[in-house]
């Protein structure tokens, strides 16, 4: 099988798609950890992730494959997710763990300020 320039471009886009989806999943995982114990948020984050995954994957397949499923594109996306998880994902996971506590403190203080402002405005 001989690859043409357009097929290499599709593979490159599939690699980028895999990295973007992995980054999105890591960001949502960080948000999920800030709201532990809330199944509603976990469900919403998962639904949002899968809708984004389906939409972006379908769009890539529709634009370049005329709607046909190209297994090398799926393989390239999974390969990018695996490489991301092994290299960049671990580093970002540690960074998010260190940023989660200060972010939670800041969000709690902002929430209290908003509640105080609403109370003073209503009085």
PDB file of N, CA and C in Angstrom:
ATOM      1  N   UNK A   1       0.845  -1.170   0.000  1.00  0.00           N
ATOM      2  CA  UNK A   1       0.000   0.000   0.000  1.00  0.00           C
ATOM      3  C   UNK A   1       0.894   1.238   0.000  1.00  0.00           C
ATOM      4  N   UNK A   2       0.676   2.113  -0.942  1.00  0.00           N
ATOM      5  CA  UNK A   2       1.455   3.335  -1.075  1.00  0.00           C
ATOM      6  C   UNK A   2       0.642   4.480  -0.483  1.00  0.00           C
ATOM      7  N   UNK A   3       1.286   5.221   0.430  1.00  0.00           N
ATOM      8  CA  UNK A   3       0.619   6.370   1.034  1.00  0.00           C
ATOM      9  C   UNK A   3       0.859   7.604   0.176  1.00  0.00           C
ATOM     10  N   UNK A   4      -0.176   8.371  -0.005  1.00  0.00           N
ATOM     11  CA  UNK A   4      -0.074   9.628  -0.729  1.00  0.00           C
ATOM     12  C   UNK A   4       0.028  10.751   0.291  1.00  0.00           C
ATOM     13  N   UNK A   5       0.318  11.947  -0.199  1.00  0.00           N
ATOM     14  CA  UNK A   5       0.491  13.091   0.694  1.00  0.00           C
ATOM     15  C   UNK A   5      -0.743  13.346   1.552  1.00  0.00           C
ATOM     16  N   UNK A   6      -1.913  13.183   0.981  1.00  0.00           N
ATOM     17  CA  UNK A   6      -3.135  13.434   1.741  1.00  0.00           C
ATOM     18  C   UNK A   6      -3.287  12.422   2.880  1.00  0.00           C
ATOM     19  N   UNK A   7      -2.892  11.175   2.673  1.00  0.00           N
ATOM     20  CA  UNK A   7      -2.985  10.167   3.726  1.00  0.00           C
ATOM     21  C   UNK A   7      -2.016  10.458   4.862  1.00  0.00           C
ATOM     22  N   UNK A   8      -0.834  10.968   4.536  1.00  0.00           N
ATOM     23  CA  UNK A   8       0.105  11.356   5.591  1.00  0.00           C
ATOM     24  C   UNK A   8      -0.450  12.532   6.385  1.00  0.00           C
ATOM     25  N   UNK A   9      -1.122  13.428   5.689  1.00  0.00           N
ATOM     26  CA  UNK A   9      -1.749  14.563   6.369  1.00  0.00           C
ATOM     27  C   UNK A   9      -2.854  14.070   7.314  1.00  0.00           C
ATOM     28  N   UNK A  10      -3.604  13.085   6.897  1.00  0.00           N
ATOM     29  CA  UNK A  10      -4.657  12.518   7.741  1.00  0.00           C
ATOM     30  C   UNK A  10      -4.037  11.851   8.966  1.00  0.00           C
ATOM     31  N   UNK A  11      -2.944  11.135   8.762  1.00  0.00           N
ATOM     32  CA  UNK A  11      -2.265  10.495   9.902  1.00  0.00           C
ATOM     33  C   UNK A  11      -1.774  11.550  10.873  1.00  0.00           C
ATOM     34  N   UNK A  12      -1.188  12.626  10.362  1.00  0.00           N
ATOM     35  CA  UNK A  12      -0.726  13.705  11.229  1.00  0.00           C
ATOM     36  C   UNK A  12      -1.886  14.326  11.996  1.00  0.00           C
ATOM     37  N   UNK A  13      -2.998  14.539  11.328  1.00  0.00           N
ATOM     38  CA  UNK A  13      -4.173  15.102  12.007  1.00  0.00           C
ATOM     39  C   UNK A  13      -4.733  14.134  13.049  1.00  0.00           C
ATOM     40  N   UNK A  14      -4.665  12.848  12.765  1.00  0.00           N
ATOM     41  CA  UNK A  14      -5.130  11.856  13.744  1.00  0.00           C
ATOM     42  C   UNK A  14      -4.217  11.852  14.970  1.00  0.00           C
ATOM     43  N   UNK A  15      -2.917  12.006  14.759  1.00  0.00           N
ATOM     44  CA  UNK A  15      -1.991  12.108  15.889  1.00  0.00           C
ATOM     45  C   UNK A  15      -2.311  13.338  16.734  1.00  0.00           C
ATOM     46  N   UNK A  16      -2.560  14.458  16.069  1.00  0.00           N
ATOM     47  CA  UNK A  16      -2.921  15.685  16.796  1.00  0.00           C
ATOM     48  C   UNK A  16      -4.247  15.521  17.535  1.00  0.00           C
ATOM     49  N   UNK A  17      -5.184  14.828  16.909  1.00  0.00           N
ATOM     50  CA  UNK A  17      -6.475  14.562  17.552  1.00  0.00           C
ATOM     51  C   UNK A  17      -6.281  13.735  18.819  1.00  0.00           C
ATOM     52  N   UNK A  18      -5.453  12.712  18.749  1.00  0.00           N
ATOM     53  CA  UNK A  18      -5.184  11.886  19.923  1.00  0.00           C
ATOM     54  C   UNK A  18      -4.576  12.683  21.060  1.00  0.00           C
ATOM     55  N   UNK A  19      -3.663  13.579  20.735  1.00  0.00           N
ATOM     56  CA  UNK A  19      -3.041  14.411  21.767  1.00  0.00           C
ATOM     57  C   UNK A  19      -4.059  15.384  22.359  1.00  0.00           C
ATOM     58  N   UNK A  20      -4.878  15.988  21.507  1.00  0.00           N
ATOM     59  CA  UNK A  20      -5.890  16.931  22.022  1.00  0.00           C
ATOM     60  C   UNK A  20      -6.904  16.237  22.912  1.00  0.00           C
ATOM     61  N   UNK A  21      -7.335  15.041  22.524  1.00  0.00           N
ATOM     62  CA  UNK A  21      -8.311  14.321  23.338  1.00  0.00           C
ATOM     63  C   UNK A  21      -7.699  13.886  24.668  1.00  0.00           C
ATOM     64  N   UNK A  22      -6.443  13.497  24.649  1.00  0.00           N
ATOM     65  CA  UNK A  22      -5.781  13.120  25.902  1.00  0.00           C
ATOM     66  C   UNK A  22      -5.617  14.321  26.822  1.00  0.00           C
ATOM     67  N   UNK A  23      -5.282  15.459  26.257  1.00  0.00           N
ATOM     68  CA  UNK A  23      -5.156  16.674  27.057  1.00  0.00           C
ATOM     69  C   UNK A  23      -6.508  17.079  27.641  1.00  0.00           C
ATOM     70  N   UNK A  24      -7.550  16.988  26.838  1.00  0.00           N
ATOM     71  CA  UNK A  24      -8.900  17.285  27.336  1.00  0.00           C
ATOM     72  C   UNK A  24      -9.277  16.348  28.468  1.00  0.00           C
ATOM     73  N   UNK A  25      -8.967  15.067  28.306  1.00  0.00           N
ATOM     74  CA  UNK A  25      -9.292  14.099  29.358  1.00  0.00           C
ATOM     75  C   UNK A  25      -8.531  14.427  30.644  1.00  0.00           C
ATOM     76  N   UNK A  26      -7.262  14.803  30.529  1.00  0.00           N
ATOM     77  CA  UNK A  26      -6.497  15.167  31.727  1.00  0.00           C
ATOM     78  C   UNK A  26      -7.071  16.400  32.407  1.00  0.00           C
ATOM     79  N   UNK A  27      -7.483  17.383  31.629  1.00  0.00           N
ATOM     80  CA  UNK A  27      -8.084  18.579  32.223  1.00  0.00           C
ATOM     81  C   UNK A  27      -9.394  18.249  32.932  1.00  0.00           C
ATOM     82  N   UNK A  28     -10.207  17.432  32.308  1.00  0.00           N
ATOM     83  CA  UNK A  28     -11.470  17.038  32.939  1.00  0.00           C
ATOM     84  C   UNK A  28     -11.224  16.172  34.165  1.00  0.00           C
ATOM     85  N   UNK A  29     -10.188  15.349  34.121  1.00  0.00           N
ATOM     86  CA  UNK A  29      -9.854  14.526  35.284  1.00  0.00           C
ATOM     87  C   UNK A  29      -9.418  15.409  36.450  1.00  0.00           C
ATOM     88  N   UNK A  30      -8.680  16.478  36.145  1.00  0.00           N
ATOM     89  CA  UNK A  30      -8.303  17.423  37.196  1.00  0.00           C
ATOM     90  C   UNK A  30      -9.506  18.118  37.799  1.00  0.00           C
ATOM     91  N   UNK A  31     -10.447  18.526  36.959  1.00  0.00           N
ATOM     92  CA  UNK A  31     -11.672  19.154  37.468  1.00  0.00           C
ATOM     93  C   UNK A  31     -12.493  18.169  38.291  1.00  0.00           C
ATOM     94  N   UNK A  32     -12.517  16.928  37.854  1.00  0.00           N
ATOM     95  CA  UNK A  32     -13.272  15.898  38.580  1.00  0.00           C
ATOM     96  C   UNK A  32     -12.693  15.689  39.976  1.00  0.00           C
ATOM     97  N   UNK A  33     -11.388  15.754  40.082  1.00  0.00           N
ATOM     98  CA  UNK A  33     -10.756  15.553  41.396  1.00  0.00           C
ATOM     99  C   UNK A  33     -11.002  16.717  42.334  1.00  0.00           C
ATOM    100  N   UNK A  34     -11.260  17.896  41.767  1.00  0.00           N
ATOM    101  CA  UNK A  34     -11.566  19.042  42.626  1.00  0.00           C
ATOM    102  C   UNK A  34     -12.958  18.911  43.239  1.00  0.00           C
ATOM    103  N   UNK A  35     -13.819  18.149  42.617  1.00  0.00           N
ATOM    104  CA  UNK A  35     -15.189  17.948  43.103  1.00  0.00           C
ATOM    105  C   UNK A  35     -15.420  16.484  43.425  1.00  0.00           C
ATOM    106  N   UNK A  36     -14.650  15.968  44.323  1.00  0.00           N
ATOM    107  CA  UNK A  36     -14.762  14.551  44.688  1.00  0.00           C
ATOM    108  C   UNK A  36     -16.114  14.254  45.310  1.00  0.00           C
ATOM    109  N   UNK A  37     -16.612  13.083  44.999  1.00  0.00           N
ATOM    110  CA  UNK A  37     -17.850  12.626  45.602  1.00  0.00           C
ATOM    111  C   UNK A  37     -19.102  13.076  44.881  1.00  0.00           C
ATOM    112  N   UNK A  38     -18.952  13.922  43.879  1.00  0.00           N
ATOM    113  CA  UNK A  38     -20.114  14.408  43.152  1.00  0.00           C
ATOM    114  C   UNK A  38     -20.271  13.608  41.860  1.00  0.00           C
ATOM    115  N   UNK A  39     -21.208  12.694  41.853  1.00  0.00           N
ATOM    116  CA  UNK A  39     -21.400  11.842  40.676  1.00  0.00           C
ATOM    117  C   UNK A  39     -21.988  12.622  39.502  1.00  0.00           C
ATOM    118  N   UNK A  40     -22.726  13.655  39.794  1.00  0.00           N
ATOM    119  CA  UNK A  40     -23.319  14.453  38.724  1.00  0.00           C
ATOM    120  C   UNK A  40     -22.261  15.135  37.876  1.00  0.00           C
ATOM    121  N   UNK A  41     -21.242  15.720  38.526  1.00  0.00           N
ATOM    122  CA  UNK A  41     -20.172  16.358  37.782  1.00  0.00           C
ATOM    123  C   UNK A  41     -19.364  15.334  37.004  1.00  0.00           C
ATOM    124  N   UNK A  42     -19.088  14.196  37.618  1.00  0.00           N
ATOM    125  CA  UNK A  42     -18.344  13.144  36.938  1.00  0.00           C
ATOM    126  C   UNK A  42     -19.086  12.695  35.686  1.00  0.00           C
ATOM    127  N   UNK A  43     -20.381  12.498  35.809  1.00  0.00           N
ATOM    128  CA  UNK A  43     -21.195  12.102  34.670  1.00  0.00           C
ATOM    129  C   UNK A  43     -21.167  13.172  33.583  1.00  0.00           C
ATOM    130  N   UNK A  44     -21.303  14.431  33.979  1.00  0.00           N
ATOM    131  CA  UNK A  44     -21.307  15.528  33.006  1.00  0.00           C
ATOM    132  C   UNK A  44     -19.966  15.635  32.292  1.00  0.00           C
ATOM    133  N   UNK A  45     -18.866  15.506  33.036  1.00  0.00           N
ATOM    134  CA  UNK A  45     -17.542  15.573  32.419  1.00  0.00           C
ATOM    135  C   UNK A  45     -17.333  14.422  31.448  1.00  0.00           C
ATOM    136  N   UNK A  46     -17.777  13.218  31.821  1.00  0.00           N
ATOM    137  CA  UNK A  46     -17.618  12.065  30.939  1.00  0.00           C
ATOM    138  C   UNK A  46     -18.455  12.213  29.672  1.00  0.00           C
ATOM    139  N   UNK A  47     -19.683  12.673  29.820  1.00  0.00           N
ATOM    140  CA  UNK A  47     -20.532  12.882  28.648  1.00  0.00           C
ATOM    141  C   UNK A  47     -19.912  13.931  27.732  1.00  0.00           C
ATOM    142  N   UNK A  48     -19.423  15.020  28.316  1.00  0.00           N
ATOM    143  CA  UNK A  48     -18.784  16.067  27.518  1.00  0.00           C
ATOM    144  C   UNK A  48     -17.575  15.514  26.765  1.00  0.00           C
ATOM    145  N   UNK A  49     -16.751  14.706  27.443  1.00  0.00           N
ATOM    146  CA  UNK A  49     -15.570  14.126  26.796  1.00  0.00           C
ATOM    147  C   UNK A  49     -15.968  13.223  25.639  1.00  0.00           C
ATOM    148  N   UNK A  50     -16.947  12.362  25.836  1.00  0.00           N
ATOM    149  CA  UNK A  50     -17.327  11.423  24.780  1.00  0.00           C
ATOM    150  C   UNK A  50     -18.021  12.115  23.617  1.00  0.00           C
ATOM    151  N   UNK A  51     -18.746  13.181  23.887  1.00  0.00           N
ATOM    152  CA  UNK A  51     -19.344  13.948  22.791  1.00  0.00           C
ATOM    153  C   UNK A  51     -18.252  14.623  21.970  1.00  0.00           C
ATOM    154  N   UNK A  52     -17.268  15.193  22.654  1.00  0.00           N
ATOM    155  CA  UNK A  52     -16.145  15.806  21.937  1.00  0.00           C
ATOM    156  C   UNK A  52     -15.370  14.769  21.135  1.00  0.00           C
ATOM    157  N   UNK A  53     -15.126  13.611  21.736  1.00  0.00           N
ATOM    158  CA  UNK A  53     -14.404  12.545  21.043  1.00  0.00           C
ATOM    159  C   UNK A  53     -15.155  12.100  19.793  1.00  0.00           C
ATOM    160  N   UNK A  54     -16.429  11.843  19.930  1.00  0.00           N
ATOM    161  CA  UNK A  54     -17.220  11.381  18.790  1.00  0.00           C
ATOM    162  C   UNK A  54     -17.294  12.446  17.702  1.00  0.00           C
ATOM    163  N   UNK A  55     -17.518  13.684  18.093  1.00  0.00           N
ATOM    164  CA  UNK A  55     -17.650  14.758  17.128  1.00  0.00           C
ATOM    165  C   UNK A  55     -16.354  14.995  16.361  1.00  0.00           C
ATOM    166  N   UNK A  56     -15.251  15.106  17.083  1.00  0.00           N
ATOM    167  CA  UNK A  56     -13.972  15.371  16.423  1.00  0.00           C
ATOM    168  C   UNK A  56     -13.517  14.197  15.564  1.00  0.00           C
ATOM    169  N   UNK A  57     -13.732  12.983  16.042  1.00  0.00           N
ATOM    170  CA  UNK A  57     -13.350  11.803  15.258  1.00  0.00           C
ATOM    171  C   UNK A  57     -14.195  11.691  13.992  1.00  0.00           C
ATOM    172  N   UNK A  58     -15.493  11.885  14.144  1.00  0.00           N
ATOM    173  CA  UNK A  58     -16.371  11.812  12.982  1.00  0.00           C
ATOM    174  C   UNK A  58     -16.014  12.890  11.971  1.00  0.00           C
ATOM    175  N   UNK A  59     -15.724  14.079  12.466  1.00  0.00           N
ATOM    176  CA  UNK A  59     -15.368  15.175  11.562  1.00  0.00           C
ATOM    177  C   UNK A  59     -14.106  14.862  10.772  1.00  0.00           C
ATOM    178  N   UNK A  60     -13.104  14.300  11.459  1.00  0.00           N
ATOM    179  CA  UNK A  60     -11.865  13.925  10.772  1.00  0.00           C
ATOM    180  C   UNK A  60     -12.131  12.853   9.726  1.00  0.00           C
ATOM    181  N   UNK A  61     -12.910  11.844  10.092  1.00  0.00           N
ATOM    182  CA  UNK A  61     -13.223  10.766   9.150  1.00  0.00           C
ATOM    183  C   UNK A  61     -14.058  11.280   7.973  1.00  0.00           C
ATOM    184  N   UNK A  62     -14.979  12.175   8.244  1.00  0.00           N
ATOM    185  CA  UNK A  62     -15.850  12.687   7.191  1.00  0.00           C
ATOM    186  C   UNK A  62     -15.084  13.570   6.210  1.00  0.00           C
ATOM    187  N   UNK A  63     -14.203  14.426   6.737  1.00  0.00           N
ATOM    188  CA  UNK A  63     -13.466  15.345   5.877  1.00  0.00           C
ATOM    189  C   UNK A  63     -12.483  14.620   4.964  1.00  0.00           C
ATOM    190  N   UNK A  64     -11.790  13.642   5.517  1.00  0.00           N
ATOM    191  CA  UNK A  64     -10.699  13.050   4.753  1.00  0.00           C
ATOM    192  C   UNK A  64     -10.973  11.644   4.237  1.00  0.00           C
ATOM    193  N   UNK A  65     -11.911  10.964   4.809  1.00  0.00           N
ATOM    194  CA  UNK A  65     -12.149   9.600   4.377  1.00  0.00           C
ATOM    195  C   UNK A  65     -13.503   9.392   3.744  1.00  0.00           C
ATOM    196  N   UNK A  66     -14.198  10.492   3.440  1.00  0.00           N
ATOM    197  CA  UNK A  66     -15.549  10.404   2.886  1.00  0.00           C
ATOM    198  C   UNK A  66     -16.458   9.542   3.753  1.00  0.00           C
ATOM    199  N   UNK A  67     -16.259   9.611   5.042  1.00  0.00           N
ATOM    200  CA  UNK A  67     -17.097   8.865   5.973  1.00  0.00           C
ATOM    201  C   UNK A  67     -16.664   7.435   6.208  1.00  0.00           C
ATOM    202  N   UNK A  68     -15.646   6.981   5.482  1.00  0.00           N
ATOM    203  CA  UNK A  68     -15.169   5.612   5.659  1.00  0.00           C
ATOM    204  C   UNK A  68     -14.234   5.518   6.856  1.00  0.00           C
ATOM    205  N   UNK A  69     -14.294   4.412   7.550  1.00  0.00           N
ATOM    206  CA  UNK A  69     -13.430   4.192   8.697  1.00  0.00           C
ATOM    207  C   UNK A  69     -12.075   3.699   8.205  1.00  0.00           C
ATOM    208  N   UNK A  70     -11.066   4.479   8.444  1.00  0.00           N
ATOM    209  CA  UNK A  70      -9.698   4.111   8.082  1.00  0.00           C
ATOM    210  C   UNK A  70      -8.999   3.666   9.360  1.00  0.00           C
ATOM    211  N   UNK A  71      -8.653   2.402   9.428  1.00  0.00           N
ATOM    212  CA  UNK A  71      -8.080   1.863  10.660  1.00  0.00           C
ATOM    213  C   UNK A  71      -6.729   2.464  10.983  1.00  0.00           C
ATOM    214  N   UNK A  72      -5.963   2.877   9.983  1.00  0.00           N
ATOM    215  CA  UNK A  72      -4.683   3.508  10.290  1.00  0.00           C
ATOM    216  C   UNK A  72      -4.876   4.863  10.963  1.00  0.00           C
ATOM    217  N   UNK A  73      -6.004   5.516  10.698  1.00  0.00           N
ATOM    218  CA  UNK A  73      -6.305   6.783  11.369  1.00  0.00           C
ATOM    219  C   UNK A  73      -6.643   6.527  12.836  1.00  0.00           C
ATOM    220  N   UNK A  74      -7.441   5.510  13.081  1.00  0.00           N
ATOM    221  CA  UNK A  74      -7.782   5.138  14.458  1.00  0.00           C
ATOM    222  C   UNK A  74      -6.518   4.715  15.204  1.00  0.00           C
ATOM    223  N   UNK A  75      -5.685   3.931  14.543  1.00  0.00           N
ATOM    224  CA  UNK A  75      -4.428   3.502  15.154  1.00  0.00           C
ATOM    225  C   UNK A  75      -3.512   4.669  15.467  1.00  0.00           C
ATOM    226  N   UNK A  76      -3.450   5.647  14.576  1.00  0.00           N
ATOM    227  CA  UNK A  76      -2.610   6.829  14.812  1.00  0.00           C
ATOM    228  C   UNK A  76      -3.122   7.628  16.008  1.00  0.00           C
ATOM    229  N   UNK A  77      -4.433   7.753  16.130  1.00  0.00           N
ATOM    230  CA  UNK A  77      -5.000   8.487  17.274  1.00  0.00           C
ATOM    231  C   UNK A  77      -4.689   7.760  18.583  1.00  0.00           C
ATOM    232  N   UNK A  78      -4.856   6.431  18.592  1.00  0.00           N
ATOM    233  CA  UNK A  78      -4.542   5.670  19.807  1.00  0.00           C
ATOM    234  C   UNK A  78      -3.052   5.698  20.123  1.00  0.00           C
ATOM    235  N   UNK A  79      -2.215   5.659  19.094  1.00  0.00           N
ATOM    236  CA  UNK A  79      -0.772   5.745  19.310  1.00  0.00           C
ATOM    237  C   UNK A  79      -0.403   7.079  19.946  1.00  0.00           C
ATOM    238  N   UNK A  80      -1.005   8.159  19.455  1.00  0.00           N
ATOM    239  CA  UNK A  80      -0.740   9.477  20.035  1.00  0.00           C
ATOM    240  C   UNK A  80      -1.212   9.549  21.482  1.00  0.00           C
ATOM    241  N   UNK A  81      -2.358   8.942  21.788  1.00  0.00           N
ATOM    242  CA  UNK A  81      -2.847   8.928  23.171  1.00  0.00           C
ATOM    243  C   UNK A  81      -1.886   8.151  24.067  1.00  0.00           C
ATOM    244  N   UNK A  82      -1.379   7.039  23.566  1.00  0.00           N
ATOM    245  CA  UNK A  82      -0.460   6.218  24.356  1.00  0.00           C
ATOM    246  C   UNK A  82       0.850   6.965  24.603  1.00  0.00           C
ATOM    247  N   UNK A  83       1.401   7.590  23.560  1.00  0.00           N
ATOM    248  CA  UNK A  83       2.649   8.351  23.710  1.00  0.00           C
ATOM    249  C   UNK A  83       2.431   9.521  24.657  1.00  0.00           C
ATOM    250  N   UNK A  84       1.313  10.219  24.504  1.00  0.00           N
ATOM    251  CA  UNK A  84       0.993  11.325  25.398  1.00  0.00           C
ATOM    252  C   UNK A  84       0.933  10.842  26.848  1.00  0.00           C
ATOM    253  N   UNK A  85       0.269   9.723  27.072  1.00  0.00           N
ATOM    254  CA  UNK A  85       0.142   9.194  28.431  1.00  0.00           C
ATOM    255  C   UNK A  85       1.473   8.809  29.037  1.00  0.00           C
ATOM    256  N   UNK A  86       2.368   8.284  28.228  1.00  0.00           N
ATOM    257  CA  UNK A  86       3.675   7.855  28.735  1.00  0.00           C
ATOM    258  C   UNK A  86       4.625   9.016  28.979  1.00  0.00           C
ATOM    259  N   UNK A  87       4.546  10.049  28.169  1.00  0.00           N
ATOM    260  CA  UNK A  87       5.517  11.141  28.267  1.00  0.00           C
ATOM    261  C   UNK A  87       4.913  12.369  28.957  1.00  0.00           C
ATOM    262  N   UNK A  88       4.033  13.032  28.260  1.00  0.00           N
ATOM    263  CA  UNK A  88       3.508  14.308  28.750  1.00  0.00           C
ATOM    264  C   UNK A  88       2.428  14.139  29.801  1.00  0.00           C
ATOM    265  N   UNK A  89       1.652  13.082  29.716  1.00  0.00           N
ATOM    266  CA  UNK A  89       0.551  12.872  30.650  1.00  0.00           C
ATOM    267  C   UNK A  89       1.005  12.745  32.087  1.00  0.00           C
ATOM    268  N   UNK A  90       2.089  12.041  32.304  1.00  0.00           N
ATOM    269  CA  UNK A  90       2.599  11.884  33.674  1.00  0.00           C
ATOM    270  C   UNK A  90       3.069  13.208  34.240  1.00  0.00           C
ATOM    271  N   UNK A  91       3.736  14.009  33.423  1.00  0.00           N
ATOM    272  CA  UNK A  91       4.206  15.313  33.890  1.00  0.00           C
ATOM    273  C   UNK A  91       3.032  16.236  34.214  1.00  0.00           C
ATOM    274  N   UNK A  92       2.047  16.274  33.336  1.00  0.00           N
ATOM    275  CA  UNK A  92       0.882  17.126  33.587  1.00  0.00           C
ATOM    276  C   UNK A  92       0.051  16.630  34.764  1.00  0.00           C
ATOM    277  N   UNK A  93       0.003  15.322  34.952  1.00  0.00           N
ATOM    278  CA  UNK A  93      -0.727  14.768  36.090  1.00  0.00           C
ATOM    279  C   UNK A  93      -0.113  15.249  37.405  1.00  0.00           C
ATOM    280  N   UNK A  94       1.196  15.232  37.487  1.00  0.00           N
ATOM    281  CA  UNK A  94       1.875  15.741  38.699  1.00  0.00           C
ATOM    282  C   UNK A  94       1.632  17.234  38.870  1.00  0.00           C
ATOM    283  N   UNK A  95       1.677  17.975  37.769  1.00  0.00           N
ATOM    284  CA  UNK A  95       1.427  19.412  37.842  1.00  0.00           C
ATOM    285  C   UNK A  95       0.010  19.695  38.316  1.00  0.00           C
ATOM    286  N   UNK A  96      -0.970  18.972  37.776  1.00  0.00           N
ATOM    287  CA  UNK A  96      -2.359  19.167  38.196  1.00  0.00           C
ATOM    288  C   UNK A  96      -2.569  18.803  39.655  1.00  0.00           C
ATOM    289  N   UNK A  97      -1.843  17.797  40.143  1.00  0.00           N
ATOM    290  CA  UNK A  97      -1.965  17.439  41.557  1.00  0.00           C
ATOM    291  C   UNK A  97      -1.481  18.572  42.444  1.00  0.00           C
ATOM    292  N   UNK A  98      -0.406  19.239  42.037  1.00  0.00           N
ATOM    293  CA  UNK A  98       0.113  20.345  42.831  1.00  0.00           C
ATOM    294  C   UNK A  98      -0.754  21.595  42.714  1.00  0.00           C
ATOM    295  N   UNK A  99      -1.427  21.764  41.602  1.00  0.00           N
ATOM    296  CA  UNK A  99      -2.271  22.945  41.401  1.00  0.00           C
ATOM    297  C   UNK A  99      -3.696  22.761  41.910  1.00  0.00           C
ATOM    298  N   UNK A 100      -4.093  21.531  42.160  1.00  0.00           N
ATOM    299  CA  UNK A 100      -5.480  21.264  42.551  1.00  0.00           C
ATOM    300  C   UNK A 100      -5.829  21.895  43.894  1.00  0.00           C
ATOM    301  N   UNK A 101      -4.950  21.786  44.874  1.00  0.00           N
ATOM    302  CA  UNK A 101      -5.244  22.322  46.207  1.00  0.00           C
ATOM    303  C   UNK A 101      -5.331  23.850  46.181  1.00  0.00           C
ATOM    304  N   UNK A 102      -4.346  24.566  45.609  1.00  0.00           N
ATOM    305  CA  UNK A 102      -4.512  26.030  45.558  1.00  0.00           C
ATOM    306  C   UNK A 102      -5.727  26.467  44.735  1.00  0.00           C
ATOM    307  N   UNK A 103      -6.021  25.760  43.659  1.00  0.00           N
ATOM    308  CA  UNK A 103      -7.188  26.116  42.849  1.00  0.00           C
ATOM    309  C   UNK A 103      -8.468  25.922  43.637  1.00  0.00           C
ATOM    310  N   UNK A 104      -8.540  24.858  44.409  1.00  0.00           N
ATOM    311  CA  UNK A 104      -9.736  24.600  45.213  1.00  0.00           C
ATOM    312  C   UNK A 104      -9.902  25.684  46.274  1.00  0.00           C
ATOM    313  N   UNK A 105      -8.812  26.115  46.883  1.00  0.00           N
ATOM    314  CA  UNK A 105      -8.867  27.181  47.892  1.00  0.00           C
ATOM    315  C   UNK A 105      -9.346  28.478  47.255  1.00  0.00           C
ATOM    316  N   UNK A 106      -8.803  28.813  46.095  1.00  0.00           N
ATOM    317  CA  UNK A 106      -9.191  30.051  45.410  1.00  0.00           C
ATOM    318  C   UNK A 106     -10.656  30.005  45.012  1.00  0.00           C
ATOM    319  N   UNK A 107     -11.106  28.887  44.466  1.00  0.00           N
ATOM    320  CA  UNK A 107     -12.506  28.772  44.070  1.00  0.00           C
ATOM    321  C   UNK A 107     -13.445  28.858  45.266  1.00  0.00           C
ATOM    322  N   UNK A 108     -13.049  28.279  46.394  1.00  0.00           N
ATOM    323  CA  UNK A 108     -13.864  28.357  47.604  1.00  0.00           C
ATOM    324  C   UNK A 108     -13.976  29.797  48.082  1.00  0.00           C
ATOM    325  N   UNK A 109     -12.857  30.538  48.069  1.00  0.00           N
ATOM    326  CA  UNK A 109     -12.884  31.938  48.511  1.00  0.00           C
ATOM    327  C   UNK A 109     -13.714  32.794  47.558  1.00  0.00           C
ATOM    328  N   UNK A 110     -13.606  32.550  46.255  1.00  0.00           N
ATOM    329  CA  UNK A 110     -14.423  33.302  45.299  1.00  0.00           C
ATOM    330  C   UNK A 110     -15.908  33.012  45.490  1.00  0.00           C
ATOM    331  N   UNK A 111     -16.221  31.768  45.792  1.00  0.00           N
ATOM    332  CA  UNK A 111     -17.612  31.392  46.024  1.00  0.00           C
ATOM    333  C   UNK A 111     -18.159  32.103  47.265  1.00  0.00           C
ATOM    334  N   UNK A 112     -17.344  32.158  48.320  1.00  0.00           N
ATOM    335  CA  UNK A 112     -17.768  32.861  49.540  1.00  0.00           C
ATOM    336  C   UNK A 112     -17.968  34.346  49.280  1.00  0.00           C
ATOM    337  N   UNK A 113     -17.059  34.951  48.489  1.00  0.00           N
ATOM    338  CA  UNK A 113     -17.206  36.363  48.161  1.00  0.00           C
ATOM    339  C   UNK A 113     -18.485  36.608  47.362  1.00  0.00           C
ATOM    340  N   UNK A 114     -18.784  35.720  46.444  1.00  0.00           N
ATOM    341  CA  UNK A 114     -20.002  35.868  45.647  1.00  0.00           C
ATOM    342  C   UNK A 114     -21.239  35.744  46.517  1.00  0.00           C
ATOM    343  N   UNK A 115     -21.224  34.824  47.474  1.00  0.00           N
ATOM    344  CA  UNK A 115     -22.360  34.656  48.383  1.00  0.00           C
ATOM    345  C   UNK A 115     -22.506  35.890  49.257  1.00  0.00           C
ATOM    346  N   UNK A 116     -21.390  36.429  49.749  1.00  0.00           N
ATOM    347  CA  UNK A 116     -21.444  37.630  50.590  1.00  0.00           C
ATOM    348  C   UNK A 116     -21.985  38.812  49.778  1.00  0.00           C
ATOM    349  N   UNK A 117     -21.578  38.921  48.525  1.00  0.00           N
ATOM    350  CA  UNK A 117     -22.042  40.042  47.682  1.00  0.00           C
ATOM    351  C   UNK A 117     -23.542  39.916  47.433  1.00  0.00           C
ATOM    352  N   UNK A 118     -24.020  38.717  47.190  1.00  0.00           N
ATOM    353  CA  UNK A 118     -25.458  38.521  46.968  1.00  0.00           C
ATOM    354  C   UNK A 118     -26.239  38.883  48.219  1.00  0.00           C
ATOM    355  N   UNK A 119     -25.734  38.513  49.385  1.00  0.00           N
ATOM    356  CA  UNK A 119     -26.420  38.836  50.636  1.00  0.00           C
ATOM    357  C   UNK A 119     -26.466  40.332  50.881  1.00  0.00           C
ATOM    358  N   UNK A 120     -25.362  41.035  50.597  1.00  0.00           N
ATOM    359  CA  UNK A 120     -25.344  42.485  50.824  1.00  0.00           C
ATOM    360  C   UNK A 120     -26.210  43.210  49.800  1.00  0.00           C
ATOM    361  N   UNK A 121     -26.269  42.700  48.583  1.00  0.00           N
ATOM    362  CA  UNK A 121     -27.107  43.319  47.556  1.00  0.00           C
ATOM    363  C   UNK A 121     -28.585  43.151  47.854  1.00  0.00           C
ATOM    364  N   UNK A 122     -28.951  42.023  48.435  1.00  0.00           N
ATOM    365  CA  UNK A 122     -30.365  41.757  48.705  1.00  0.00           C
ATOM    366  C   UNK A 122     -30.849  42.472  49.965  1.00  0.00           C
ATOM    367  N   UNK A 123     -29.955  42.864  50.825  1.00  0.00           N
ATOM    368  CA  UNK A 123     -30.377  43.538  52.064  1.00  0.00           C
ATOM    369  C   UNK A 123     -30.583  44.972  51.858  1.00  0.00           C
TER     370      UNK A 123
END
